[in-house]
Amino acid sequence: MKNKYGLPEEELNRIKKRDKFCVYCHKKMITPYQRSCKKDSATIEHLNHLPPWNNIDTVAFCCGSCNSSRRDKKIKDWFKTKYCLERNINYNTVAKPVKGYLDNYEKFLDLILKNKWIFAKTMPKIPHYYLVRDNLSEKDKKLFDELKVNLNKNGYIKEFQSKEYRYFDIYNYKYWIIENILNREEIK
């Protein structure tokens, strides 16, 4: 399978060995990819359907049919489609990598989507937004704390102004935490 996403080949091979069956419908997949059997061929699936494409933690293999059906939908939204309902594809039936992604990333969407983000006015040349833990509901404070642990465990390290921070990407934003502040910046 051609790797046009810049994913490390050894990691991709490890995932390919793990995902011999489609992570969604559990169909045995054809590998390497065959254009004449694309619906049954193994395809790279980006669980986080937006860039960056080279985050190995958000990659799995699924059949061409599931990949084509999902396209750019969020996984939980895709579960509600006719395609998934007819095939009994849902949180309880998908493979472990998909459940892990949903548990480690998408469960934080409530925290991320329902709160009002504050623009960091003091840093206009580095436009980003933030949430302060102390201003959150008790439920969201627990999510914040879980997110902090998850980020320290699963986030990727990147240097910014000679300091290293841990980041994770959900949809079109990258997130990082500094003490009790969750920051986010749009991925361009």
Protein backbone atom coordinates (compact mmCIF):
# COMPACT_ATOMS: atom_id res chain seq x y z
CA MET A 1 0.00 0.00 0.00
CA LYS A 2 1.36 3.40 -0.97
CA ASN A 3 1.94 5.79 1.92
CA LYS A 4 1.17 9.29 0.73
CA TYR A 5 0.53 10.64 4.24
CA GLY A 6 4.07 10.67 5.59
CA LEU A 7 3.32 7.95 8.13
CA PRO A 8 6.36 5.97 9.33
CA GLU A 9 6.41 2.75 7.30
CA GLU A 10 7.29 0.53 10.31
CA GLU A 11 4.31 1.92 12.29
CA LEU A 12 2.01 1.47 9.31
CA ASN A 13 3.15 -2.16 8.96
CA ARG A 14 2.45 -2.73 12.67
CA ILE A 15 -1.07 -1.34 12.25
CA LYS A 16 -1.59 -3.38 9.08
CA LYS A 17 -0.76 -6.58 11.02
CA ARG A 18 -3.17 -5.55 13.79
CA ASP A 19 -6.02 -4.58 11.43
CA LYS A 20 -6.38 -7.64 9.16
CA PHE A 21 -10.13 -7.22 9.37
CA CYS A 22 -11.97 -3.94 8.79
CA VAL A 23 -12.07 -2.01 12.09
CA TYR A 24 -15.73 -1.18 11.41
CA CYS A 25 -17.51 -4.09 9.67
CA HIS A 26 -14.91 -6.82 10.43
CA LYS A 27 -14.70 -7.95 6.80
CA LYS A 28 -11.43 -9.73 5.87
CA MET A 29 -9.69 -7.21 3.63
CA ILE A 30 -7.63 -7.66 0.49
CA THR A 31 -4.09 -6.41 0.82
CA PRO A 32 -2.32 -4.88 -0.95
CA TYR A 33 -5.00 -2.57 -2.31
CA GLN A 34 -6.53 -3.76 -5.60
CA ARG A 35 -8.31 -1.22 -7.76
CA SER A 36 -10.55 -3.94 -9.22
CA CYS A 37 -11.74 -4.88 -5.69
CA LYS A 38 -11.58 -1.50 -3.99
CA LYS A 39 -14.64 -2.07 -1.79
CA ASP A 40 -12.95 -5.10 -0.20
CA SER A 41 -9.39 -3.75 -0.20
CA ALA A 42 -7.63 -2.44 2.91
CA THR A 43 -7.48 1.35 3.03
CA ILE A 44 -5.83 3.74 5.45
CA GLU A 45 -8.52 5.19 7.71
CA HIS A 46 -7.97 8.49 9.48
CA LEU A 47 -10.17 8.26 12.55
CA ASN A 48 -9.70 12.01 12.95
CA HIS A 49 -10.94 12.87 9.47
CA LEU A 50 -9.07 16.18 9.21
CA PRO A 51 -5.34 17.01 9.08
CA PRO A 52 -2.72 16.42 10.21
CA TRP A 53 -2.69 13.11 8.31
CA ASN A 54 0.54 11.79 9.82
CA ASN A 55 -0.66 11.23 13.41
CA ILE A 56 -0.18 7.47 13.74
CA ASP A 57 -2.44 7.42 16.85
CA THR A 58 -5.46 8.26 14.71
CA VAL A 59 -4.84 5.73 11.92
CA ALA A 60 -6.38 2.30 11.34
CA PHE A 61 -7.23 0.11 8.36
CA CYS A 62 -10.76 -0.38 7.10
CA CYS A 63 -12.33 -1.75 3.95
CA GLY A 64 -12.93 0.50 0.98
CA SER A 65 -16.71 0.28 1.47
CA CYS A 66 -16.61 1.63 5.02
CA ASN A 67 -14.00 4.26 4.16
CA SER A 68 -16.09 5.45 1.21
CA SER A 69 -19.27 5.52 3.30
CA ARG A 70 -17.75 7.43 6.18
CA ARG A 71 -15.88 9.96 4.03
CA ASP A 72 -15.53 13.13 6.14
CA LYS A 73 -18.15 12.38 8.78
CA LYS A 74 -17.34 12.27 12.48
CA ILE A 75 -17.45 8.65 13.59
CA LYS A 76 -20.38 9.09 16.00
CA ASP A 77 -22.37 10.90 13.28
CA TRP A 78 -21.52 8.17 10.78
CA PHE A 79 -22.85 5.52 13.20
CA LYS A 80 -26.32 7.10 12.75
CA THR A 81 -26.32 6.63 8.95
CA LYS A 82 -28.29 3.99 7.09
CA TYR A 83 -25.02 2.29 6.08
CA CYS A 84 -24.00 1.68 9.71
CA LEU A 85 -27.48 0.89 10.98
CA GLU A 86 -27.94 -1.80 8.30
CA ARG A 87 -24.55 -3.35 9.15
CA ASN A 88 -24.82 -2.94 12.93
CA ILE A 89 -21.72 -0.71 13.04
CA ASN A 90 -21.66 1.20 16.33
CA TYR A 91 -19.48 1.86 19.37
CA ASN A 92 -20.13 -1.61 20.78
CA THR A 93 -19.25 -3.47 17.57
CA VAL A 94 -16.19 -1.63 16.22
CA ALA A 95 -12.62 -2.80 16.81
CA LYS A 96 -10.51 -1.75 19.77
CA PRO A 97 -8.54 1.00 17.91
CA VAL A 98 -11.78 2.82 17.05
CA LYS A 99 -13.11 2.50 20.61
CA GLY A 100 -9.76 3.77 21.91
CA TYR A 101 -9.93 6.76 19.61
CA LEU A 102 -13.49 7.54 20.65
CA ASP A 103 -12.62 7.17 24.35
CA ASN A 104 -9.33 9.07 24.20
CA TYR A 105 -10.26 11.87 21.84
CA GLU A 106 -13.89 12.27 20.95
CA LYS A 107 -15.22 11.93 24.49
CA PHE A 108 -13.72 15.34 25.12
CA LEU A 109 -15.80 16.94 22.38
CA ASP A 110 -18.49 17.95 24.90
CA LEU A 111 -15.91 19.95 26.83
CA ILE A 112 -14.49 21.40 23.65
CA LEU A 113 -17.71 22.21 21.84
CA LYS A 114 -20.08 23.45 24.53
CA ASN A 115 -17.82 25.94 26.32
CA LYS A 116 -17.17 29.51 25.29
CA TRP A 117 -13.56 29.91 24.20
CA ILE A 118 -11.74 33.16 25.01
CA PHE A 119 -9.49 34.77 22.42
CA ALA A 120 -5.93 35.27 23.73
CA LYS A 121 -5.76 39.05 23.17
CA THR A 122 -2.28 39.32 24.66
CA MET A 123 -0.87 37.20 21.82
CA PRO A 124 -2.41 38.58 18.61
CA LYS A 125 0.52 37.38 16.47
CA ILE A 126 -0.11 33.83 17.69
CA PRO A 127 -3.91 33.65 17.43
CA HIS A 128 -5.42 31.04 19.70
CA TYR A 129 -8.22 30.57 22.22
CA TYR A 130 -8.35 29.15 25.73
CA LEU A 131 -10.55 27.78 28.52
CA VAL A 132 -9.73 28.18 32.21
CA ARG A 133 -10.46 25.08 34.30
CA ASP A 134 -11.71 27.13 37.26
CA ASN A 135 -14.47 28.64 35.11
CA LEU A 136 -15.92 25.26 34.09
CA SER A 137 -18.80 23.27 35.54
CA GLU A 138 -17.94 20.43 37.92
CA LYS A 139 -18.60 17.87 35.17
CA ASP A 140 -16.33 19.75 32.75
CA LYS A 141 -13.62 20.11 35.40
CA LYS A 142 -13.54 16.30 35.60
CA LEU A 143 -13.32 16.09 31.81
CA PHE A 144 -10.56 18.71 31.87
CA ASP A 145 -8.60 16.63 34.41
CA GLU A 146 -9.10 13.46 32.35
CA LEU A 147 -8.02 15.32 29.24
CA LYS A 148 -4.86 16.52 30.97
CA VAL A 149 -3.93 12.97 31.97
CA ASN A 150 -4.74 11.69 28.48
CA LEU A 151 -2.73 14.45 26.84
CA ASN A 152 0.31 13.70 29.01
CA LYS A 153 0.01 10.02 28.16
CA ASN A 154 -0.97 10.12 24.47
CA GLY A 155 -0.11 13.59 23.16
CA TYR A 156 2.71 14.32 20.76
CA ILE A 157 5.58 16.59 21.74
CA LYS A 158 6.40 19.70 19.75
CA GLU A 159 8.67 22.61 20.55
CA PHE A 160 7.31 26.15 20.70
CA GLN A 161 9.58 29.09 21.50
CA SER A 162 12.29 26.77 22.90
CA LYS A 163 9.85 24.93 25.21
CA GLU A 164 8.33 21.51 24.64
CA TYR A 165 4.57 21.06 24.92
CA ARG A 166 2.29 18.06 24.49
CA TYR A 167 -0.43 18.42 21.88
CA PHE A 168 -3.31 16.43 20.47
CA ASP A 169 -5.43 17.14 17.43
CA ILE A 170 -9.17 16.83 17.18
CA TYR A 171 -10.71 17.73 13.88
CA ASN A 172 -9.29 21.04 12.72
CA TYR A 173 -7.72 22.21 16.01
CA LYS A 174 -4.61 21.35 18.00
CA TYR A 175 -4.93 21.48 21.79
CA TRP A 176 -2.44 21.82 24.64
CA ILE A 177 -2.68 22.45 28.38
CA ILE A 178 -0.54 24.80 30.43
CA GLU A 179 -1.31 24.32 34.13
CA ASN A 180 -5.08 24.96 34.38
CA ILE A 181 -5.57 26.43 30.90
CA LEU A 182 -6.67 24.45 27.84
CA ASN A 183 -5.50 26.16 24.67
CA ARG A 184 -6.50 25.58 21.08
CA GLU A 185 -5.27 26.80 17.73
CA GLU A 186 -6.74 26.15 14.31
CA ILE A 187 -4.68 23.81 12.14
CA LYS A 188 -3.95 25.47 8.85
